[in-house]
């Protein structure tokens, strides 16, 4: 099980604007500290919180942050409508489009996804694979 994911950024304020445009809608709460931003799903009545947490932080070595080639973090949305809405919100909050919401031929018939770059260049996916919604073939 993945416990947490961290992306490095050089501008915490820009990153906060971008990630706050869609992560709260997916249930993530935000804690800010001198070490950066921590987004986590809430715990439910004594049950440990759902993993993974998502951290947005300056680099540990002090050098400029860079996006990993081939690295991507994906967040699951409730449905296709939410994928579209959150993609638009993230673009309005400073993100860059890497792939408009829609189906991709290389994935299953129900996998609906959009791709973004955060202001630092980290690649983010927002997806839904709800089999109760119309699929690529229907």
Protein backbone atom coordinates (compact mmCIF):
# COMPACT_ATOMS: atom_id res chain seq x y z
CA UNK A 1 0.00 0.00 0.00
CA UNK A 2 1.28 3.47 -0.84
CA UNK A 3 1.40 5.58 2.32
CA UNK A 4 2.05 8.99 0.76
CA UNK A 5 3.08 10.79 -2.40
CA UNK A 6 5.18 13.97 -2.47
CA UNK A 7 5.67 16.42 -5.32
CA UNK A 8 8.28 19.14 -5.17
CA UNK A 9 7.44 22.75 -5.97
CA UNK A 10 9.26 26.07 -5.92
CA UNK A 11 6.20 28.27 -5.34
CA UNK A 12 3.98 27.02 -2.51
CA UNK A 13 1.36 29.76 -3.04
CA UNK A 14 0.85 28.84 -6.71
CA UNK A 15 0.75 25.15 -5.82
CA UNK A 16 -1.80 25.79 -3.06
CA UNK A 17 -4.08 27.64 -5.49
CA UNK A 18 -3.83 24.79 -8.03
CA UNK A 19 -4.33 21.83 -5.68
CA UNK A 20 -7.00 23.60 -3.62
CA UNK A 21 -9.04 23.96 -6.81
CA UNK A 22 -9.83 20.23 -6.87
CA UNK A 23 -8.52 18.19 -3.92
CA UNK A 24 -11.10 19.46 -1.37
CA UNK A 25 -13.87 18.39 -3.79
CA UNK A 26 -12.40 14.87 -3.61
CA UNK A 27 -12.55 14.91 0.19
CA UNK A 28 -8.97 15.97 0.99
CA UNK A 29 -8.35 18.32 3.88
CA UNK A 30 -5.42 20.74 3.85
CA UNK A 31 -2.87 21.37 6.57
CA UNK A 32 -0.23 24.02 5.99
CA UNK A 33 3.07 24.25 7.75
CA UNK A 34 6.57 25.57 7.28
CA UNK A 35 7.42 22.33 5.47
CA UNK A 36 4.69 22.78 2.84
CA UNK A 37 1.18 21.52 2.17
CA UNK A 38 -0.30 18.25 3.39
CA UNK A 39 -3.52 16.97 1.82
CA UNK A 40 -5.17 14.01 3.54
CA UNK A 41 -8.47 12.20 3.56
CA UNK A 42 -10.21 12.36 6.93
CA UNK A 43 -10.35 9.45 9.35
CA UNK A 44 -13.79 8.08 10.16
CA UNK A 45 -14.69 7.41 13.80
CA UNK A 46 -11.48 5.82 15.09
CA UNK A 47 -10.66 4.14 11.78
CA UNK A 48 -7.20 5.09 10.47
CA UNK A 49 -7.27 7.61 7.62
CA UNK A 50 -7.33 6.37 4.06
CA UNK A 51 -3.94 6.38 2.34
CA UNK A 52 -2.16 7.83 0.58
CA UNK A 53 -1.64 11.35 1.82
CA UNK A 54 -0.47 13.87 -0.77
CA UNK A 55 2.30 16.32 0.11
CA UNK A 56 3.36 19.42 -1.80
CA UNK A 57 6.72 20.64 -0.53
CA UNK A 58 9.83 22.55 -1.42
CA UNK A 59 12.72 20.28 -2.34
CA UNK A 60 14.75 18.84 0.52
CA UNK A 61 18.09 19.62 -1.09
CA UNK A 62 17.25 23.26 -1.87
CA UNK A 63 17.76 22.87 -5.61
CA UNK A 64 14.93 23.80 -8.01
CA UNK A 65 12.04 21.34 -8.15
CA UNK A 66 11.53 19.41 -11.37
CA UNK A 67 8.81 17.13 -12.68
CA UNK A 68 9.78 13.51 -13.16
CA UNK A 69 9.70 12.20 -16.72
CA UNK A 70 7.04 9.49 -16.68
CA UNK A 71 5.87 10.37 -13.17
CA UNK A 72 2.17 11.04 -12.66
CA UNK A 73 -0.21 11.13 -9.70
CA UNK A 74 -3.83 10.12 -10.33
CA UNK A 75 -6.85 11.13 -8.25
CA UNK A 76 -10.18 9.31 -8.53
CA UNK A 77 -13.28 11.44 -9.03
CA UNK A 78 -16.86 10.33 -8.33
CA UNK A 79 -18.01 10.50 -11.95
CA UNK A 80 -17.30 11.88 -15.41
CA UNK A 81 -19.00 15.19 -14.64
CA UNK A 82 -16.70 15.72 -11.67
CA UNK A 83 -13.65 14.93 -13.83
CA UNK A 84 -14.72 17.68 -16.25
CA UNK A 85 -15.51 20.18 -13.50
CA UNK A 86 -12.28 19.60 -11.59
CA UNK A 87 -10.18 19.70 -14.76
CA UNK A 88 -11.68 23.12 -15.56
CA UNK A 89 -11.16 24.33 -11.98
CA UNK A 90 -7.52 23.23 -12.00
CA UNK A 91 -6.92 25.01 -15.32
CA UNK A 92 -8.48 28.18 -13.92
CA UNK A 93 -6.19 27.86 -10.89
CA UNK A 94 -2.99 27.93 -12.94
CA UNK A 95 -2.70 24.41 -14.30
CA UNK A 96 -1.87 23.50 -17.89
CA UNK A 97 -3.90 21.10 -20.01
CA UNK A 98 -2.17 17.80 -20.80
CA UNK A 99 -5.26 16.04 -22.13
CA UNK A 100 -8.90 17.07 -22.15
CA UNK A 101 -11.42 14.90 -20.27
CA UNK A 102 -12.49 11.85 -22.23
CA UNK A 103 -11.98 8.19 -22.92
CA UNK A 104 -8.61 6.89 -24.09
CA UNK A 105 -8.40 4.04 -26.59
CA UNK A 106 -5.68 2.22 -24.64
CA UNK A 107 -7.76 1.91 -21.45
CA UNK A 108 -10.95 0.02 -20.62
CA UNK A 109 -14.35 1.16 -21.85
CA UNK A 110 -15.27 2.88 -18.55
CA UNK A 111 -12.00 4.73 -17.86
CA UNK A 112 -12.71 8.47 -18.24
CA UNK A 113 -9.67 10.66 -17.59
CA UNK A 114 -8.15 14.11 -17.92
CA UNK A 115 -4.54 15.15 -17.58
CA UNK A 116 -3.00 18.35 -16.21
CA UNK A 117 0.33 19.85 -15.26
CA UNK A 118 0.53 21.77 -12.01
CA UNK A 119 2.35 25.14 -12.10
CA UNK A 120 5.65 23.32 -11.40
CA UNK A 121 5.11 20.85 -14.26
CA UNK A 122 4.09 17.78 -12.21
CA UNK A 123 1.65 15.62 -14.16
CA UNK A 124 -1.75 14.99 -12.56
CA UNK A 125 -4.60 12.76 -13.73
CA UNK A 126 -8.24 13.02 -12.68
CA UNK A 127 -10.25 9.92 -13.54
CA UNK A 128 -13.51 8.05 -13.08
CA UNK A 129 -14.19 4.46 -13.99
CA UNK A 130 -17.78 4.13 -12.81
CA UNK A 131 -19.33 1.20 -14.73
CA UNK A 132 -22.81 2.72 -14.17
CA UNK A 133 -22.02 5.66 -16.46
CA UNK A 134 -22.00 5.48 -20.25
CA UNK A 135 -18.73 4.00 -21.46
CA UNK A 136 -16.64 4.67 -24.52
CA UNK A 137 -18.72 2.22 -26.53
CA UNK A 138 -22.13 3.26 -25.23
